[in-house]
Amino acid sequence: MVKKFLLITVLAFVFSAFVIPEKIAKKADKAIAKFYEIENFSKTPLTITETLNTNTPSEFSKENLFKIEANGSFLGYGYVGNAPSKTATFDYIVLFDKDFIITKSKVLVYREEYGGEIGSKRWLRQFEGSKAGTKELKYQEDIIPISGATISVRSMTKAVNELLESIATLQAKKAL
């Protein structure tokens, strides 16, 4: 019981202090450059107050929600997150257009031996077109399962639903 409590406490601390590691940031930048077919762009972090952050299911740090611009033009928004898999976690990026409609999602780093199929472009395309404030994506209805990756599929679906809910909350509070 004590071990479980310590593990949960450590995980809560790690997730609440989520800072994007350099390796993940580089992979995110590469995904952004490829998607927008540009080499040079800037990411401007969007600041979410601690009070608002506690009212959203997704965790927003100083740098994981950002505006993407290139040559003085606004391209969209990005979010880098971390979600649990069976025994580890995986990192992902979600790109949005100006109306916070998902245009791209990508698994950046997957740390499990099994379940890496969630990184498939074909599978991830299911999230494209989803908008903040609309209906929740349902596993086995809107999102197809993958044999051998059940936990990761459910986790990615939950993470995207929580992100969309969080964005809708921030929009309602005029924080975005």
C-alpha atoms as a PDB file:
ATOM      1  CA  MET A   1       0.000   0.000   0.000  1.00  0.00           C
ATOM      2  CA  VAL A   2       2.807   2.411   0.909  1.00  0.00           C
ATOM      3  CA  LYS A   3       4.654   1.580  -2.323  1.00  0.00           C
ATOM      4  CA  LYS A   4       1.551   2.335  -4.385  1.00  0.00           C
ATOM      5  CA  PHE A   5       1.079   5.640  -2.568  1.00  0.00           C
ATOM      6  CA  LEU A   6       4.707   6.611  -3.199  1.00  0.00           C
ATOM      7  CA  LEU A   7       4.457   5.647  -6.864  1.00  0.00           C
ATOM      8  CA  ILE A   8       1.264   7.682  -7.307  1.00  0.00           C
ATOM      9  CA  THR A   9       2.829  10.646  -5.507  1.00  0.00           C
ATOM     10  CA  VAL A  10       5.945  10.524  -7.687  1.00  0.00           C
ATOM     11  CA  LEU A  11       3.881  10.192 -10.888  1.00  0.00           C
ATOM     12  CA  ALA A  12       1.629  13.079  -9.848  1.00  0.00           C
ATOM     13  CA  PHE A  13       4.698  15.247  -9.220  1.00  0.00           C
ATOM     14  CA  VAL A  14       6.279  14.274 -12.532  1.00  0.00           C
ATOM     15  CA  PHE A  15       3.100  15.004 -14.504  1.00  0.00           C
ATOM     16  CA  SER A  16       2.339  18.247 -12.670  1.00  0.00           C
ATOM     17  CA  ALA A  17       5.821  19.555 -13.412  1.00  0.00           C
ATOM     18  CA  PHE A  18       5.790  18.453 -17.051  1.00  0.00           C
ATOM     19  CA  VAL A  19       8.589  20.148 -18.910  1.00  0.00           C
ATOM     20  CA  ILE A  20       9.301  19.054 -22.440  1.00  0.00           C
ATOM     21  CA  PRO A  21      12.659  17.246 -22.586  1.00  0.00           C
ATOM     22  CA  GLU A  22      14.981  18.478 -25.345  1.00  0.00           C
ATOM     23  CA  LYS A  23      14.735  15.188 -27.275  1.00  0.00           C
ATOM     24  CA  ILE A  24      10.924  15.408 -27.320  1.00  0.00           C
ATOM     25  CA  ALA A  25      11.004  19.110 -28.250  1.00  0.00           C
ATOM     26  CA  LYS A  26      13.243  18.327 -31.238  1.00  0.00           C
ATOM     27  CA  LYS A  27      10.898  15.562 -32.410  1.00  0.00           C
ATOM     28  CA  ALA A  28       7.934  17.914 -32.003  1.00  0.00           C
ATOM     29  CA  ASP A  29       9.722  20.608 -34.040  1.00  0.00           C
ATOM     30  CA  LYS A  30      10.459  18.062 -36.755  1.00  0.00           C
ATOM     31  CA  ALA A  31       6.779  17.018 -36.867  1.00  0.00           C
ATOM     32  CA  ILE A  32       5.698  20.671 -37.094  1.00  0.00           C
ATOM     33  CA  ALA A  33       8.197  21.433 -39.877  1.00  0.00           C
ATOM     34  CA  LYS A  34       7.086  18.400 -41.856  1.00  0.00           C
ATOM     35  CA  PHE A  35       3.372  19.078 -41.432  1.00  0.00           C
ATOM     36  CA  TYR A  36       3.585  22.739 -42.441  1.00  0.00           C
ATOM     37  CA  GLU A  37       6.327  22.028 -44.998  1.00  0.00           C
ATOM     38  CA  ILE A  38       8.568  24.770 -43.601  1.00  0.00           C
ATOM     39  CA  GLU A  39      12.011  24.880 -42.055  1.00  0.00           C
ATOM     40  CA  ASN A  40      11.839  28.041 -39.970  1.00  0.00           C
ATOM     41  CA  PHE A  41       9.009  28.764 -37.582  1.00  0.00           C
ATOM     42  CA  SER A  42       8.522  30.050 -34.069  1.00  0.00           C
ATOM     43  CA  LYS A  43       6.587  28.624 -31.150  1.00  0.00           C
ATOM     44  CA  THR A  44       5.140  31.125 -28.694  1.00  0.00           C
ATOM     45  CA  PRO A  45       4.047  29.489 -25.431  1.00  0.00           C
ATOM     46  CA  LEU A  46       0.505  30.264 -24.311  1.00  0.00           C
ATOM     47  CA  THR A  47       0.379  31.026 -20.615  1.00  0.00           C
ATOM     48  CA  ILE A  48      -2.386  29.358 -18.662  1.00  0.00           C
ATOM     49  CA  THR A  49      -2.859  30.526 -15.088  1.00  0.00           C
ATOM     50  CA  GLU A  50      -2.472  27.997 -12.309  1.00  0.00           C
ATOM     51  CA  THR A  51      -6.112  28.515 -11.339  1.00  0.00           C
ATOM     52  CA  LEU A  52      -7.334  27.728 -14.855  1.00  0.00           C
ATOM     53  CA  ASN A  53      -4.878  24.841 -15.132  1.00  0.00           C
ATOM     54  CA  THR A  54      -6.388  23.175 -12.068  1.00  0.00           C
ATOM     55  CA  ASN A  55      -9.832  23.386 -13.720  1.00  0.00           C
ATOM     56  CA  THR A  56      -8.788  21.410 -16.798  1.00  0.00           C
ATOM     57  CA  PRO A  57      -8.135  17.677 -17.151  1.00  0.00           C
ATOM     58  CA  SER A  58      -5.020  18.311 -19.298  1.00  0.00           C
ATOM     59  CA  GLU A  59      -1.832  19.645 -17.791  1.00  0.00           C
ATOM     60  CA  PHE A  60      -0.499  22.895 -19.221  1.00  0.00           C
ATOM     61  CA  SER A  61       3.081  23.848 -18.453  1.00  0.00           C
ATOM     62  CA  LYS A  62       5.128  26.839 -19.515  1.00  0.00           C
ATOM     63  CA  GLU A  63       5.857  25.390 -22.923  1.00  0.00           C
ATOM     64  CA  ASN A  64       3.559  22.540 -23.935  1.00  0.00           C
ATOM     65  CA  LEU A  65       0.728  24.647 -25.414  1.00  0.00           C
ATOM     66  CA  PHE A  66       1.927  27.091 -28.034  1.00  0.00           C
ATOM     67  CA  LYS A  67       1.114  29.208 -31.066  1.00  0.00           C
ATOM     68  CA  ILE A  68       2.998  28.385 -34.293  1.00  0.00           C
ATOM     69  CA  GLU A  69       4.027  31.180 -36.676  1.00  0.00           C
ATOM     70  CA  ALA A  70       6.258  31.499 -39.712  1.00  0.00           C
ATOM     71  CA  ASN A  71       7.232  34.581 -41.714  1.00  0.00           C
ATOM     72  CA  GLY A  72       4.814  36.710 -39.694  1.00  0.00           C
ATOM     73  CA  SER A  73       1.882  34.403 -40.463  1.00  0.00           C
ATOM     74  CA  PHE A  74      -0.108  32.475 -37.902  1.00  0.00           C
ATOM     75  CA  LEU A  75      -0.139  28.747 -38.763  1.00  0.00           C
ATOM     76  CA  GLY A  76      -1.936  27.135 -35.833  1.00  0.00           C
ATOM     77  CA  TYR A  77      -1.501  25.794 -32.319  1.00  0.00           C
ATOM     78  CA  GLY A  78       0.369  22.845 -30.886  1.00  0.00           C
ATOM     79  CA  TYR A  79       0.259  20.786 -27.712  1.00  0.00           C
ATOM     80  CA  VAL A  80       2.848  18.275 -26.522  1.00  0.00           C
ATOM     81  CA  GLY A  81       1.613  15.772 -23.980  1.00  0.00           C
ATOM     82  CA  ASN A  82       2.516  12.585 -22.191  1.00  0.00           C
ATOM     83  CA  ALA A  83       0.146   9.655 -21.606  1.00  0.00           C
ATOM     84  CA  PRO A  84       0.428   6.310 -19.824  1.00  0.00           C
ATOM     85  CA  SER A  85       0.815   3.008 -21.641  1.00  0.00           C
ATOM     86  CA  LYS A  86       0.885  -0.430 -19.987  1.00  0.00           C
ATOM     87  CA  THR A  87       4.079  -0.003 -17.942  1.00  0.00           C
ATOM     88  CA  ALA A  88       5.553   3.287 -19.175  1.00  0.00           C
ATOM     89  CA  THR A  89       4.401   6.472 -20.908  1.00  0.00           C
ATOM     90  CA  PHE A  90       4.492   7.873 -24.420  1.00  0.00           C
ATOM     91  CA  ASP A  91       4.860  11.426 -25.716  1.00  0.00           C
ATOM     92  CA  TYR A  92       2.671  12.874 -28.443  1.00  0.00           C
ATOM     93  CA  ILE A  93       1.941  16.118 -30.265  1.00  0.00           C
ATOM     94  CA  VAL A  94      -1.416  17.438 -31.422  1.00  0.00           C
ATOM     95  CA  LEU A  95      -1.574  20.256 -33.985  1.00  0.00           C
ATOM     96  CA  PHE A  96      -4.630  22.484 -34.327  1.00  0.00           C
ATOM     97  CA  ASP A  97      -5.800  25.061 -36.822  1.00  0.00           C
ATOM     98  CA  LYS A  98      -6.842  28.577 -35.754  1.00  0.00           C
ATOM     99  CA  ASP A  99     -10.236  27.282 -34.564  1.00  0.00           C
ATOM    100  CA  PHE A 100      -8.704  24.505 -32.453  1.00  0.00           C
ATOM    101  CA  ILE A 101      -9.707  21.756 -34.852  1.00  0.00           C
ATOM    102  CA  ILE A 102      -7.172  18.914 -34.858  1.00  0.00           C
ATOM    103  CA  THR A 103      -5.158  18.876 -38.067  1.00  0.00           C
ATOM    104  CA  LYS A 104      -2.482  16.346 -37.054  1.00  0.00           C
ATOM    105  CA  SER A 105      -1.532  14.068 -34.175  1.00  0.00           C
ATOM    106  CA  LYS A 106       1.680  12.116 -33.861  1.00  0.00           C
ATOM    107  CA  VAL A 107       3.247   9.821 -31.283  1.00  0.00           C
ATOM    108  CA  LEU A 108       6.741  11.225 -30.732  1.00  0.00           C
ATOM    109  CA  VAL A 109       8.231   8.587 -28.418  1.00  0.00           C
ATOM    110  CA  TYR A 110       6.691   5.232 -27.532  1.00  0.00           C
ATOM    111  CA  ARG A 111       8.477   3.355 -24.734  1.00  0.00           C
ATOM    112  CA  GLU A 112       6.806  -0.067 -24.757  1.00  0.00           C
ATOM    113  CA  GLU A 113       7.698  -3.286 -26.514  1.00  0.00           C
ATOM    114  CA  TYR A 114       4.075  -3.782 -27.624  1.00  0.00           C
ATOM    115  CA  GLY A 115       1.405  -1.351 -28.732  1.00  0.00           C
ATOM    116  CA  GLY A 116       3.546   0.904 -30.888  1.00  0.00           C
ATOM    117  CA  GLU A 117       0.935   0.579 -33.628  1.00  0.00           C
ATOM    118  CA  ILE A 118      -0.767   3.642 -32.142  1.00  0.00           C
ATOM    119  CA  GLY A 119       1.974   5.604 -33.887  1.00  0.00           C
ATOM    120  CA  SER A 120       0.517   4.610 -37.263  1.00  0.00           C
ATOM    121  CA  LYS A 121      -0.434   7.620 -39.397  1.00  0.00           C
ATOM    122  CA  ARG A 122      -3.530   5.778 -40.547  1.00  0.00           C
ATOM    123  CA  TRP A 123      -4.737   5.118 -36.999  1.00  0.00           C
ATOM    124  CA  LEU A 124      -3.932   8.646 -35.777  1.00  0.00           C
ATOM    125  CA  ARG A 125      -5.906  10.206 -38.665  1.00  0.00           C
ATOM    126  CA  GLN A 126      -9.072   9.301 -36.716  1.00  0.00           C
ATOM    127  CA  PHE A 127      -8.477  12.313 -34.475  1.00  0.00           C
ATOM    128  CA  GLU A 128      -8.215  14.808 -37.345  1.00  0.00           C
ATOM    129  CA  GLY A 129     -11.197  17.101 -37.651  1.00  0.00           C
ATOM    130  CA  SER A 130     -12.104  16.784 -33.957  1.00  0.00           C
ATOM    131  CA  LYS A 131     -12.921  20.137 -32.397  1.00  0.00           C
ATOM    132  CA  ALA A 132     -12.801  21.466 -28.864  1.00  0.00           C
ATOM    133  CA  GLY A 133     -16.243  21.560 -27.292  1.00  0.00           C
ATOM    134  CA  THR A 134     -17.803  18.888 -29.497  1.00  0.00           C
ATOM    135  CA  LYS A 135     -18.778  15.320 -28.677  1.00  0.00           C
ATOM    136  CA  GLU A 136     -16.338  13.030 -26.914  1.00  0.00           C
ATOM    137  CA  LEU A 137     -14.559  10.453 -29.072  1.00  0.00           C
ATOM    138  CA  LYS A 138     -15.586   6.951 -28.042  1.00  0.00           C
ATOM    139  CA  TYR A 139     -13.348   3.902 -28.082  1.00  0.00           C
ATOM    140  CA  GLN A 140     -14.730   1.208 -30.429  1.00  0.00           C
ATOM    141  CA  GLU A 141     -17.223   3.662 -31.945  1.00  0.00           C
ATOM    142  CA  ASP A 142     -15.242   6.666 -33.201  1.00  0.00           C
ATOM    143  CA  ILE A 143     -11.788   5.214 -32.504  1.00  0.00           C
ATOM    144  CA  ILE A 144     -10.996   1.725 -33.752  1.00  0.00           C
ATOM    145  CA  PRO A 145      -9.188  -0.629 -31.361  1.00  0.00           C
ATOM    146  CA  ILE A 146      -5.814  -2.163 -32.145  1.00  0.00           C
ATOM    147  CA  SER A 147      -5.158  -5.722 -31.029  1.00  0.00           C
ATOM    148  CA  GLY A 148      -2.193  -5.739 -28.647  1.00  0.00           C
ATOM    149  CA  ALA A 149      -2.420  -1.996 -27.993  1.00  0.00           C
ATOM    150  CA  THR A 150      -5.681  -1.739 -26.062  1.00  0.00           C
ATOM    151  CA  ILE A 151      -4.256   0.210 -23.130  1.00  0.00           C
ATOM    152  CA  SER A 152      -2.372   2.662 -25.354  1.00  0.00           C
ATOM    153  CA  VAL A 153      -5.370   3.153 -27.667  1.00  0.00           C
ATOM    154  CA  ARG A 154      -7.609   3.932 -24.719  1.00  0.00           C
ATOM    155  CA  SER A 155      -4.953   6.178 -23.208  1.00  0.00           C
ATOM    156  CA  MET A 156      -4.444   8.201 -26.416  1.00  0.00           C
ATOM    157  CA  THR A 157      -8.204   8.502 -26.883  1.00  0.00           C
ATOM    158  CA  LYS A 158      -8.600   9.698 -23.302  1.00  0.00           C
ATOM    159  CA  ALA A 159      -5.690  12.147 -23.661  1.00  0.00           C
ATOM    160  CA  VAL A 160      -7.181  13.687 -26.825  1.00  0.00           C
ATOM    161  CA  ASN A 161     -10.653  13.904 -25.252  1.00  0.00           C
ATOM    162  CA  GLU A 162      -9.191  15.583 -22.171  1.00  0.00           C
ATOM    163  CA  LEU A 163      -7.213  17.998 -24.337  1.00  0.00           C
ATOM    164  CA  LEU A 164     -10.302  18.949 -26.361  1.00  0.00           C
ATOM    165  CA  GLU A 165     -12.307  19.405 -23.142  1.00  0.00           C
ATOM    166  CA  SER A 166      -9.499  21.523 -21.663  1.00  0.00           C
ATOM    167  CA  ILE A 167      -9.287  23.727 -24.749  1.00  0.00           C
ATOM    168  CA  ALA A 168     -13.078  24.215 -24.653  1.00  0.00           C
ATOM    169  CA  THR A 169     -12.846  25.224 -20.974  1.00  0.00           C
ATOM    170  CA  LEU A 170     -10.060  27.703 -21.729  1.00  0.00           C
ATOM    171  CA  GLN A 171     -12.038  29.152 -24.636  1.00  0.00           C
ATOM    172  CA  ALA A 172     -15.125  29.541 -22.437  1.00  0.00           C
ATOM    173  CA  LYS A 173     -13.021  31.391 -19.847  1.00  0.00           C
ATOM    174  CA  LYS A 174     -11.598  33.597 -22.654  1.00  0.00           C
ATOM    175  CA  ALA A 175      -8.076  32.330 -21.905  1.00  0.00           C
ATOM    176  CA  LEU A 176      -7.486  31.458 -25.579  1.00  0.00           C
END
